[in-house]
Amino acid sequence: MRFLVLLSLPLVLTAAPLDAATIGGNPGPEHNYVCPHADGQPQLECFFDAVQHLYTMCRNVKSIEILEFGYEKSTEGTNGAKTEYCLDKQKQNIERPYKAALREVAKSKPAVEGVQHLQQTWLAAMKELQWRSGESDDDYKARVAKPYEAFTAGIASVRTSVAAAQAPAASAKSAKAKPAKSAKASKPTTQAKKH
């Protein structure tokens, strides 16, 4: 009996809480692997976080391989297997937040194009994590740090497009509200003239 209890204990400890929220399709916040810095935020924010976070994950894995085998041997044989696995896994992990972000910004063509461009930038950066033959340590580190600038610029661009798309809707709502108020205000004055 004690043996059965011990076998079932790991299952209980690894199960996600029943009341766990989901962000980007992943249980969160303490179990959110894809966009851990965007708990409780909209899907677009999850995608923005995932772009940077998942790139960092694979960059760190590649760094470990380089430390383990050195630059020149980091891709020989199975030495680069951890990075390859990371790339494949993170491409799958980003799909759900990416699609959710596209749905969230669907009313703004520039925002949709911005999200698509950010996804393409991310995919290109992931491919470029490999060391290039003859590249110095400083050159490699500078090159793999550079995508963060592109990510930040892409995120800012999408936010600007979303804000621009929301501005006409907000001004249209306020314009509709003003005539209704002025019409109500003019009625008492016309009634006052009749008396």
C-alpha atoms as a PDB file:
ATOM      1  CA  MET A   1       0.000   0.000   0.000  1.00  0.00           C
ATOM      2  CA  ARG A   2       2.801   2.431   0.887  1.00  0.00           C
ATOM      3  CA  PHE A   3       4.411   1.613  -2.479  1.00  0.00           C
ATOM      4  CA  LEU A   4       1.242   2.679  -4.379  1.00  0.00           C
ATOM      5  CA  VAL A   5       1.048   5.938  -2.443  1.00  0.00           C
ATOM      6  CA  LEU A   6       4.683   6.732  -3.267  1.00  0.00           C
ATOM      7  CA  LEU A   7       4.109   6.001  -6.957  1.00  0.00           C
ATOM      8  CA  SER A   8       1.102   8.324  -7.147  1.00  0.00           C
ATOM      9  CA  LEU A   9       2.816  11.173  -5.257  1.00  0.00           C
ATOM     10  CA  PRO A  10       4.769  12.507  -8.285  1.00  0.00           C
ATOM     11  CA  LEU A  11       1.546  12.684 -10.295  1.00  0.00           C
ATOM     12  CA  VAL A  12      -0.096  14.796  -7.615  1.00  0.00           C
ATOM     13  CA  LEU A  13       2.914  17.095  -7.325  1.00  0.00           C
ATOM     14  CA  THR A  14       3.221  17.717 -11.085  1.00  0.00           C
ATOM     15  CA  ALA A  15      -0.466  18.262 -11.817  1.00  0.00           C
ATOM     16  CA  ALA A  16      -1.425  21.880 -12.528  1.00  0.00           C
ATOM     17  CA  PRO A  17      -3.849  23.465 -10.077  1.00  0.00           C
ATOM     18  CA  LEU A  18      -7.470  23.306 -11.146  1.00  0.00           C
ATOM     19  CA  ASP A  19      -7.874  27.071 -10.859  1.00  0.00           C
ATOM     20  CA  ALA A  20      -4.718  27.930 -12.859  1.00  0.00           C
ATOM     21  CA  ALA A  21      -5.231  30.669 -15.441  1.00  0.00           C
ATOM     22  CA  THR A  22      -4.121  30.155 -19.013  1.00  0.00           C
ATOM     23  CA  ILE A  23      -1.998  32.597 -20.951  1.00  0.00           C
ATOM     24  CA  GLY A  24      -1.161  31.829 -24.550  1.00  0.00           C
ATOM     25  CA  GLY A  25      -2.771  28.419 -24.067  1.00  0.00           C
ATOM     26  CA  ASN A  26      -0.433  27.477 -21.251  1.00  0.00           C
ATOM     27  CA  PRO A  27      -1.370  27.144 -17.608  1.00  0.00           C
ATOM     28  CA  GLY A  28      -0.128  30.100 -15.629  1.00  0.00           C
ATOM     29  CA  PRO A  29       1.112  32.073 -13.934  1.00  0.00           C
ATOM     30  CA  GLU A  30       3.536  29.752 -12.130  1.00  0.00           C
ATOM     31  CA  HIS A  31       3.326  27.177 -14.932  1.00  0.00           C
ATOM     32  CA  ASN A  32       3.540  29.600 -17.836  1.00  0.00           C
ATOM     33  CA  TYR A  33       6.554  28.584 -19.885  1.00  0.00           C
ATOM     34  CA  VAL A  34       5.842  30.406 -23.141  1.00  0.00           C
ATOM     35  CA  CYS A  35       5.197  33.967 -21.958  1.00  0.00           C
ATOM     36  CA  PRO A  36       6.019  34.051 -18.231  1.00  0.00           C
ATOM     37  CA  HIS A  37       6.274  37.848 -18.028  1.00  0.00           C
ATOM     38  CA  ALA A  38       2.802  38.435 -19.502  1.00  0.00           C
ATOM     39  CA  ASP A  39       0.586  36.732 -16.920  1.00  0.00           C
ATOM     40  CA  GLY A  40      -2.918  38.148 -16.896  1.00  0.00           C
ATOM     41  CA  GLN A  41      -2.242  40.335 -19.933  1.00  0.00           C
ATOM     42  CA  PRO A  42      -3.847  40.216 -23.410  1.00  0.00           C
ATOM     43  CA  GLN A  43      -2.776  37.624 -25.987  1.00  0.00           C
ATOM     44  CA  LEU A  44      -0.802  40.211 -27.931  1.00  0.00           C
ATOM     45  CA  GLU A  45       1.360  40.863 -24.866  1.00  0.00           C
ATOM     46  CA  CYS A  46       1.871  37.106 -24.487  1.00  0.00           C
ATOM     47  CA  PHE A  47       3.133  36.960 -28.059  1.00  0.00           C
ATOM     48  CA  PHE A  48       5.493  39.896 -27.486  1.00  0.00           C
ATOM     49  CA  ASP A  49       6.884  38.212 -24.383  1.00  0.00           C
ATOM     50  CA  ALA A  50       7.165  34.827 -26.128  1.00  0.00           C
ATOM     51  CA  VAL A  51       9.211  36.325 -28.969  1.00  0.00           C
ATOM     52  CA  GLN A  52      11.880  37.531 -26.576  1.00  0.00           C
ATOM     53  CA  HIS A  53      11.640  34.764 -23.984  1.00  0.00           C
ATOM     54  CA  LEU A  54      11.726  31.778 -26.335  1.00  0.00           C
ATOM     55  CA  TYR A  55      14.614  33.279 -28.302  1.00  0.00           C
ATOM     56  CA  THR A  56      16.501  33.685 -25.027  1.00  0.00           C
ATOM     57  CA  MET A  57      15.792  30.059 -24.098  1.00  0.00           C
ATOM     58  CA  CYS A  58      17.402  28.726 -27.287  1.00  0.00           C
ATOM     59  CA  ARG A  59      20.209  31.264 -27.115  1.00  0.00           C
ATOM     60  CA  ASN A  60      21.026  29.970 -23.640  1.00  0.00           C
ATOM     61  CA  VAL A  61      20.924  26.345 -24.833  1.00  0.00           C
ATOM     62  CA  LYS A  62      23.326  27.210 -27.656  1.00  0.00           C
ATOM     63  CA  SER A  63      25.620  28.957 -25.164  1.00  0.00           C
ATOM     64  CA  ILE A  64      25.730  25.789 -23.074  1.00  0.00           C
ATOM     65  CA  GLU A  65      26.704  23.724 -26.130  1.00  0.00           C
ATOM     66  CA  ILE A  66      29.434  26.222 -26.976  1.00  0.00           C
ATOM     67  CA  LEU A  67      30.762  26.057 -23.419  1.00  0.00           C
ATOM     68  CA  GLU A  68      30.635  22.275 -23.535  1.00  0.00           C
ATOM     69  CA  PHE A  69      32.210  21.649 -26.948  1.00  0.00           C
ATOM     70  CA  GLY A  70      33.731  24.946 -28.083  1.00  0.00           C
ATOM     71  CA  TYR A  71      32.599  26.980 -31.079  1.00  0.00           C
ATOM     72  CA  GLU A  72      34.055  24.791 -33.793  1.00  0.00           C
ATOM     73  CA  LYS A  73      32.704  21.518 -32.429  1.00  0.00           C
ATOM     74  CA  SER A  74      29.359  22.864 -31.167  1.00  0.00           C
ATOM     75  CA  THR A  75      27.592  21.701 -34.326  1.00  0.00           C
ATOM     76  CA  GLU A  76      29.505  18.485 -35.046  1.00  0.00           C
ATOM     77  CA  GLY A  77      27.586  15.224 -34.895  1.00  0.00           C
ATOM     78  CA  THR A  78      25.066  15.277 -32.085  1.00  0.00           C
ATOM     79  CA  ASN A  79      26.739  18.195 -30.270  1.00  0.00           C
ATOM     80  CA  GLY A  80      24.086  20.601 -31.559  1.00  0.00           C
ATOM     81  CA  ALA A  81      21.140  18.308 -30.789  1.00  0.00           C
ATOM     82  CA  LYS A  82      19.988  20.322 -27.775  1.00  0.00           C
ATOM     83  CA  THR A  83      19.776  23.498 -29.837  1.00  0.00           C
ATOM     84  CA  GLU A  84      17.957  21.718 -32.672  1.00  0.00           C
ATOM     85  CA  TYR A  85      15.442  20.332 -30.192  1.00  0.00           C
ATOM     86  CA  CYS A  86      15.009  23.773 -28.615  1.00  0.00           C
ATOM     87  CA  LEU A  87      14.398  25.402 -32.000  1.00  0.00           C
ATOM     88  CA  ASP A  88      11.783  22.815 -32.968  1.00  0.00           C
ATOM     89  CA  LYS A  89      10.052  22.997 -29.596  1.00  0.00           C
ATOM     90  CA  GLN A  90       9.924  26.789 -29.445  1.00  0.00           C
ATOM     91  CA  LYS A  91       8.582  27.013 -33.002  1.00  0.00           C
ATOM     92  CA  GLN A  92       5.694  24.853 -31.807  1.00  0.00           C
ATOM     93  CA  ASN A  93       5.315  26.808 -28.566  1.00  0.00           C
ATOM     94  CA  ILE A  94       5.019  30.188 -30.267  1.00  0.00           C
ATOM     95  CA  GLU A  95       2.298  29.087 -32.690  1.00  0.00           C
ATOM     96  CA  ARG A  96      -0.606  29.506 -30.272  1.00  0.00           C
ATOM     97  CA  PRO A  97       0.349  32.996 -29.000  1.00  0.00           C
ATOM     98  CA  TYR A  98       1.127  34.059 -32.575  1.00  0.00           C
ATOM     99  CA  LYS A  99      -2.294  33.001 -33.870  1.00  0.00           C
ATOM    100  CA  ALA A 100      -4.016  34.541 -30.836  1.00  0.00           C
ATOM    101  CA  ALA A 101      -2.150  37.826 -31.410  1.00  0.00           C
ATOM    102  CA  LEU A 102      -3.256  37.848 -35.056  1.00  0.00           C
ATOM    103  CA  ARG A 103      -6.878  37.375 -33.974  1.00  0.00           C
ATOM    104  CA  GLU A 104      -6.542  40.169 -31.421  1.00  0.00           C
ATOM    105  CA  VAL A 105      -5.281  42.723 -33.970  1.00  0.00           C
ATOM    106  CA  ALA A 106      -7.369  41.467 -36.923  1.00  0.00           C
ATOM    107  CA  LYS A 107      -9.173  44.828 -37.346  1.00  0.00           C
ATOM    108  CA  SER A 108      -5.929  46.659 -38.123  1.00  0.00           C
ATOM    109  CA  LYS A 109      -4.121  45.636 -41.306  1.00  0.00           C
ATOM    110  CA  PRO A 110      -0.874  47.430 -40.274  1.00  0.00           C
ATOM    111  CA  ALA A 111      -0.954  45.657 -36.888  1.00  0.00           C
ATOM    112  CA  VAL A 112      -1.534  42.267 -38.554  1.00  0.00           C
ATOM    113  CA  GLU A 113       1.380  42.923 -40.909  1.00  0.00           C
ATOM    114  CA  GLY A 114       3.500  44.016 -37.937  1.00  0.00           C
ATOM    115  CA  VAL A 115       2.752  40.818 -36.002  1.00  0.00           C
ATOM    116  CA  GLN A 116       3.551  38.738 -39.100  1.00  0.00           C
ATOM    117  CA  HIS A 117       6.813  40.640 -39.631  1.00  0.00           C
ATOM    118  CA  LEU A 118       7.766  40.161 -35.967  1.00  0.00           C
ATOM    119  CA  GLN A 119       7.142  36.418 -36.300  1.00  0.00           C
ATOM    120  CA  GLN A 120       9.345  36.273 -39.418  1.00  0.00           C
ATOM    121  CA  THR A 121      12.065  38.267 -37.635  1.00  0.00           C
ATOM    122  CA  TRP A 122      11.904  35.807 -34.741  1.00  0.00           C
ATOM    123  CA  LEU A 123      12.125  32.764 -37.026  1.00  0.00           C
ATOM    124  CA  ALA A 124      15.137  34.255 -38.848  1.00  0.00           C
ATOM    125  CA  ALA A 125      16.869  35.035 -35.546  1.00  0.00           C
ATOM    126  CA  MET A 126      16.299  31.477 -34.335  1.00  0.00           C
ATOM    127  CA  LYS A 127      17.980  30.095 -37.484  1.00  0.00           C
ATOM    128  CA  GLU A 128      20.952  32.401 -36.972  1.00  0.00           C
ATOM    129  CA  LEU A 129      21.840  31.115 -33.492  1.00  0.00           C
ATOM    130  CA  GLN A 130      24.447  28.780 -34.960  1.00  0.00           C
ATOM    131  CA  TRP A 131      28.070  29.865 -34.837  1.00  0.00           C
ATOM    132  CA  ARG A 132      29.557  30.822 -38.210  1.00  0.00           C
ATOM    133  CA  SER A 133      32.928  29.426 -39.158  1.00  0.00           C
ATOM    134  CA  GLY A 134      35.714  31.895 -38.404  1.00  0.00           C
ATOM    135  CA  GLU A 135      33.504  34.113 -36.224  1.00  0.00           C
ATOM    136  CA  SER A 136      35.199  35.490 -33.101  1.00  0.00           C
ATOM    137  CA  ASP A 137      33.670  35.174 -29.647  1.00  0.00           C
ATOM    138  CA  ASP A 138      32.865  38.904 -29.536  1.00  0.00           C
ATOM    139  CA  ASP A 139      31.358  38.874 -33.027  1.00  0.00           C
ATOM    140  CA  TYR A 140      29.170  35.869 -32.232  1.00  0.00           C
ATOM    141  CA  LYS A 141      27.917  37.359 -28.965  1.00  0.00           C
ATOM    142  CA  ALA A 142      27.155  40.710 -30.613  1.00  0.00           C
ATOM    143  CA  ARG A 143      25.321  39.024 -33.483  1.00  0.00           C
ATOM    144  CA  VAL A 144      23.060  36.880 -31.301  1.00  0.00           C
ATOM    145  CA  ALA A 145      22.282  39.874 -29.053  1.00  0.00           C
ATOM    146  CA  LYS A 146      21.242  42.048 -32.011  1.00  0.00           C
ATOM    147  CA  PRO A 147      17.784  40.468 -32.580  1.00  0.00           C
ATOM    148  CA  TYR A 148      16.552  41.978 -29.315  1.00  0.00           C
ATOM    149  CA  GLU A 149      16.774  45.411 -30.963  1.00  0.00           C
ATOM    150  CA  ALA A 150      14.681  44.163 -33.883  1.00  0.00           C
ATOM    151  CA  PHE A 151      12.179  42.556 -31.504  1.00  0.00           C
ATOM    152  CA  THR A 152      11.842  45.789 -29.506  1.00  0.00           C
ATOM    153  CA  ALA A 153      11.383  47.864 -32.673  1.00  0.00           C
ATOM    154  CA  GLY A 154       8.821  45.394 -34.061  1.00  0.00           C
ATOM    155  CA  ILE A 155       6.849  45.354 -30.813  1.00  0.00           C
ATOM    156  CA  ALA A 156       6.826  49.167 -30.685  1.00  0.00           C
ATOM    157  CA  SER A 157       5.609  49.290 -34.288  1.00  0.00           C
ATOM    158  CA  VAL A 158       2.726  46.907 -33.603  1.00  0.00           C
ATOM    159  CA  ARG A 159       1.745  48.861 -30.474  1.00  0.00           C
ATOM    160  CA  THR A 160       1.699  52.074 -32.523  1.00  0.00           C
ATOM    161  CA  SER A 161      -0.506  50.426 -35.178  1.00  0.00           C
ATOM    162  CA  VAL A 162      -2.904  49.115 -32.541  1.00  0.00           C
ATOM    163  CA  ALA A 163      -3.127  52.531 -30.868  1.00  0.00           C
ATOM    164  CA  ALA A 164      -3.748  54.213 -34.238  1.00  0.00           C
ATOM    165  CA  ALA A 165      -6.539  51.750 -34.993  1.00  0.00           C
ATOM    166  CA  GLN A 166      -8.141  52.332 -31.596  1.00  0.00           C
ATOM    167  CA  ALA A 167      -7.957  56.154 -31.805  1.00  0.00           C
ATOM    168  CA  PRO A 168     -10.683  56.601 -34.496  1.00  0.00           C
ATOM    169  CA  ALA A 169     -12.993  54.256 -32.600  1.00  0.00           C
ATOM    170  CA  ALA A 170     -12.516  56.247 -29.389  1.00  0.00           C
ATOM    171  CA  SER A 171     -13.070  59.602 -31.126  1.00  0.00           C
ATOM    172  CA  ALA A 172     -16.164  58.222 -32.899  1.00  0.00           C
ATOM    173  CA  LYS A 173     -17.626  57.165 -29.544  1.00  0.00           C
ATOM    174  CA  SER A 174     -16.984  60.591 -28.032  1.00  0.00           C
ATOM    175  CA  ALA A 175     -18.456  62.314 -31.123  1.00  0.00           C
ATOM    176  CA  LYS A 176     -21.646  60.260 -30.790  1.00  0.00           C
ATOM    177  CA  ALA A 177     -21.874  61.079 -27.101  1.00  0.00           C
ATOM    178  CA  LYS A 178     -21.565  64.880 -27.618  1.00  0.00           C
ATOM    179  CA  PRO A 179     -24.624  65.412 -29.911  1.00  0.00           C
ATOM    180  CA  ALA A 180     -26.780  63.348 -27.576  1.00  0.00           C
ATOM    181  CA  LYS A 181     -25.805  65.551 -24.628  1.00  0.00           C
ATOM    182  CA  SER A 182     -26.265  68.805 -26.562  1.00  0.00           C
ATOM    183  CA  ALA A 183     -29.705  67.686 -27.816  1.00  0.00           C
ATOM    184  CA  LYS A 184     -30.821  67.031 -24.244  1.00  0.00           C
ATOM    185  CA  ALA A 185     -29.412  70.363 -23.143  1.00  0.00           C
ATOM    186  CA  SER A 186     -31.280  72.263 -25.882  1.00  0.00           C
ATOM    187  CA  LYS A 187     -34.699  70.808 -24.996  1.00  0.00           C
ATOM    188  CA  PRO A 188     -35.062  72.596 -21.660  1.00  0.00           C
ATOM    189  CA  THR A 189     -34.175  75.949 -23.251  1.00  0.00           C
ATOM    190  CA  THR A 190     -36.840  75.556 -25.953  1.00  0.00           C
ATOM    191  CA  GLN A 191     -39.366  74.621 -23.283  1.00  0.00           C
ATOM    192  CA  ALA A 192     -38.376  77.642 -21.274  1.00  0.00           C
ATOM    193  CA  LYS A 193     -39.133  79.913 -24.261  1.00  0.00           C
ATOM    194  CA  LYS A 194     -42.680  78.486 -24.558  1.00  0.00           C
ATOM    195  CA  HIS A 195     -43.539  79.536 -20.994  1.00  0.00           C
END
